[in-house]
Amino acid sequence: MTERPPEAALKFEHSISAKLRAEVFDRNGFTCQMCGLSPGDIDPTTGRKVRLHVGHIKDKNLGGKDELSNLRALDVARNSVES
């Protein structure tokens, strides 16, 4: 049996504020900017309900910033492909 990692390793850093996240979703009409699906739609590639995340257009490790002009709504499947 494997040991559980320390609790600190399980925490995620949310550098994007809740207010900015809400602005991104509102601006993008609560729709994935890559595939056009909305939360609750069934993703034809996964067969699961769509969940939206906020993703960077230009990744932070390439100099992208946490600002509205560099953020977009993406469903989980598209965001993980982009990362």
C-alpha atoms as a PDB file:
ATOM      1  CA  MET A   1       0.000   0.000   0.000  1.00  0.00           C
ATOM      2  CA  THR A   2       1.330   3.456  -0.898  1.00  0.00           C
ATOM      3  CA  GLU A   3       1.565   6.321   1.557  1.00  0.00           C
ATOM      4  CA  ARG A   4      -0.548   9.415   1.080  1.00  0.00           C
ATOM      5  CA  PRO A   5       1.350  12.547   0.092  1.00  0.00           C
ATOM      6  CA  PRO A   6       1.579  15.365   2.646  1.00  0.00           C
ATOM      7  CA  GLU A   7      -1.533  17.550   2.783  1.00  0.00           C
ATOM      8  CA  ALA A   8       0.416  20.541   1.450  1.00  0.00           C
ATOM      9  CA  ALA A   9       1.081  18.637  -1.779  1.00  0.00           C
ATOM     10  CA  LEU A  10      -2.673  18.289  -2.390  1.00  0.00           C
ATOM     11  CA  LYS A  11      -3.402  22.033  -2.330  1.00  0.00           C
ATOM     12  CA  PHE A  12      -3.814  23.960  -5.567  1.00  0.00           C
ATOM     13  CA  GLU A  13      -2.749  27.550  -5.990  1.00  0.00           C
ATOM     14  CA  HIS A  14      -5.531  29.754  -7.338  1.00  0.00           C
ATOM     15  CA  SER A  15      -3.730  32.812  -8.654  1.00  0.00           C
ATOM     16  CA  ILE A  16      -6.850  33.934 -10.531  1.00  0.00           C
ATOM     17  CA  SER A  17      -9.303  35.670  -8.205  1.00  0.00           C
ATOM     18  CA  ALA A  18     -12.930  34.580  -8.028  1.00  0.00           C
ATOM     19  CA  LYS A  19     -13.933  38.005  -9.381  1.00  0.00           C
ATOM     20  CA  LEU A  20     -11.657  37.689 -12.434  1.00  0.00           C
ATOM     21  CA  ARG A  21     -12.781  34.095 -12.998  1.00  0.00           C
ATOM     22  CA  ALA A  22     -16.424  35.270 -12.989  1.00  0.00           C
ATOM     23  CA  GLU A  23     -15.568  38.057 -15.477  1.00  0.00           C
ATOM     24  CA  VAL A  24     -13.998  35.502 -17.851  1.00  0.00           C
ATOM     25  CA  PHE A  25     -17.036  33.189 -17.708  1.00  0.00           C
ATOM     26  CA  ASP A  26     -19.432  36.112 -18.173  1.00  0.00           C
ATOM     27  CA  ARG A  27     -17.467  37.568 -21.110  1.00  0.00           C
ATOM     28  CA  ASN A  28     -17.278  34.130 -22.766  1.00  0.00           C
ATOM     29  CA  GLY A  29     -20.985  33.451 -22.250  1.00  0.00           C
ATOM     30  CA  PHE A  30     -20.279  30.426 -20.009  1.00  0.00           C
ATOM     31  CA  THR A  31     -19.130  28.571 -23.147  1.00  0.00           C
ATOM     32  CA  CYS A  32     -15.891  26.751 -23.971  1.00  0.00           C
ATOM     33  CA  GLN A  33     -13.951  28.958 -26.374  1.00  0.00           C
ATOM     34  CA  MET A  34     -12.500  25.961 -28.224  1.00  0.00           C
ATOM     35  CA  CYS A  35     -15.493  23.666 -28.734  1.00  0.00           C
ATOM     36  CA  GLY A  36     -18.575  25.813 -27.985  1.00  0.00           C
ATOM     37  CA  LEU A  37     -19.988  23.486 -25.310  1.00  0.00           C
ATOM     38  CA  SER A  38     -21.549  24.809 -22.093  1.00  0.00           C
ATOM     39  CA  PRO A  39     -21.647  23.394 -18.555  1.00  0.00           C
ATOM     40  CA  GLY A  40     -23.959  20.389 -18.388  1.00  0.00           C
ATOM     41  CA  ASP A  41     -23.713  19.615 -22.127  1.00  0.00           C
ATOM     42  CA  ILE A  42     -22.481  16.120 -22.923  1.00  0.00           C
ATOM     43  CA  ASP A  43     -19.017  16.181 -24.463  1.00  0.00           C
ATOM     44  CA  PRO A  44     -19.174  13.861 -27.499  1.00  0.00           C
ATOM     45  CA  THR A  45     -15.495  12.919 -27.144  1.00  0.00           C
ATOM     46  CA  THR A  46     -15.688  11.868 -23.473  1.00  0.00           C
ATOM     47  CA  GLY A  47     -19.397  11.160 -22.917  1.00  0.00           C
ATOM     48  CA  ARG A  48     -19.239  13.236 -19.721  1.00  0.00           C
ATOM     49  CA  LYS A  49     -20.901  16.476 -18.700  1.00  0.00           C
ATOM     50  CA  VAL A  50     -18.857  19.563 -19.517  1.00  0.00           C
ATOM     51  CA  ARG A  51     -17.203  21.486 -16.664  1.00  0.00           C
ATOM     52  CA  LEU A  52     -15.571  24.816 -17.432  1.00  0.00           C
ATOM     53  CA  HIS A  53     -12.200  26.039 -16.191  1.00  0.00           C
ATOM     54  CA  VAL A  54     -10.386  29.282 -16.817  1.00  0.00           C
ATOM     55  CA  GLY A  55      -7.293  28.767 -18.953  1.00  0.00           C
ATOM     56  CA  HIS A  56      -4.477  31.011 -20.083  1.00  0.00           C
ATOM     57  CA  ILE A  57      -4.166  31.910 -23.755  1.00  0.00           C
ATOM     58  CA  LYS A  58      -0.423  32.459 -23.336  1.00  0.00           C
ATOM     59  CA  ASP A  59       0.774  30.089 -20.605  1.00  0.00           C
ATOM     60  CA  LYS A  60       2.245  31.625 -17.462  1.00  0.00           C
ATOM     61  CA  ASN A  61       5.535  29.779 -17.907  1.00  0.00           C
ATOM     62  CA  LEU A  62       5.857  31.536 -21.287  1.00  0.00           C
ATOM     63  CA  GLY A  63       5.258  34.975 -19.781  1.00  0.00           C
ATOM     64  CA  GLY A  64       1.447  35.062 -19.845  1.00  0.00           C
ATOM     65  CA  LYS A  65      -0.312  37.017 -17.120  1.00  0.00           C
ATOM     66  CA  ASP A  66      -3.414  36.533 -14.984  1.00  0.00           C
ATOM     67  CA  GLU A  67      -5.379  39.280 -16.720  1.00  0.00           C
ATOM     68  CA  LEU A  68      -8.706  39.254 -18.520  1.00  0.00           C
ATOM     69  CA  SER A  69      -7.135  39.664 -21.970  1.00  0.00           C
ATOM     70  CA  ASN A  70      -5.059  36.486 -21.462  1.00  0.00           C
ATOM     71  CA  LEU A  71      -7.791  34.252 -20.048  1.00  0.00           C
ATOM     72  CA  ARG A  72     -10.579  32.201 -21.627  1.00  0.00           C
ATOM     73  CA  ALA A  73     -13.215  29.677 -20.601  1.00  0.00           C
ATOM     74  CA  LEU A  74     -12.287  26.115 -21.555  1.00  0.00           C
ATOM     75  CA  ASP A  75     -13.910  22.812 -20.732  1.00  0.00           C
ATOM     76  CA  VAL A  76     -11.808  20.399 -18.690  1.00  0.00           C
ATOM     77  CA  ALA A  77     -10.971  18.180 -21.682  1.00  0.00           C
ATOM     78  CA  ARG A  78      -9.728  21.102 -23.816  1.00  0.00           C
ATOM     79  CA  ASN A  79      -7.872  22.755 -20.925  1.00  0.00           C
ATOM     80  CA  SER A  80      -5.896  19.584 -20.177  1.00  0.00           C
ATOM     81  CA  VAL A  81      -4.926  19.277 -23.858  1.00  0.00           C
ATOM     82  CA  GLU A  82      -3.780  22.889 -23.919  1.00  0.00           C
ATOM     83  CA  SER A  83      -1.660  22.578 -20.744  1.00  0.00           C
END
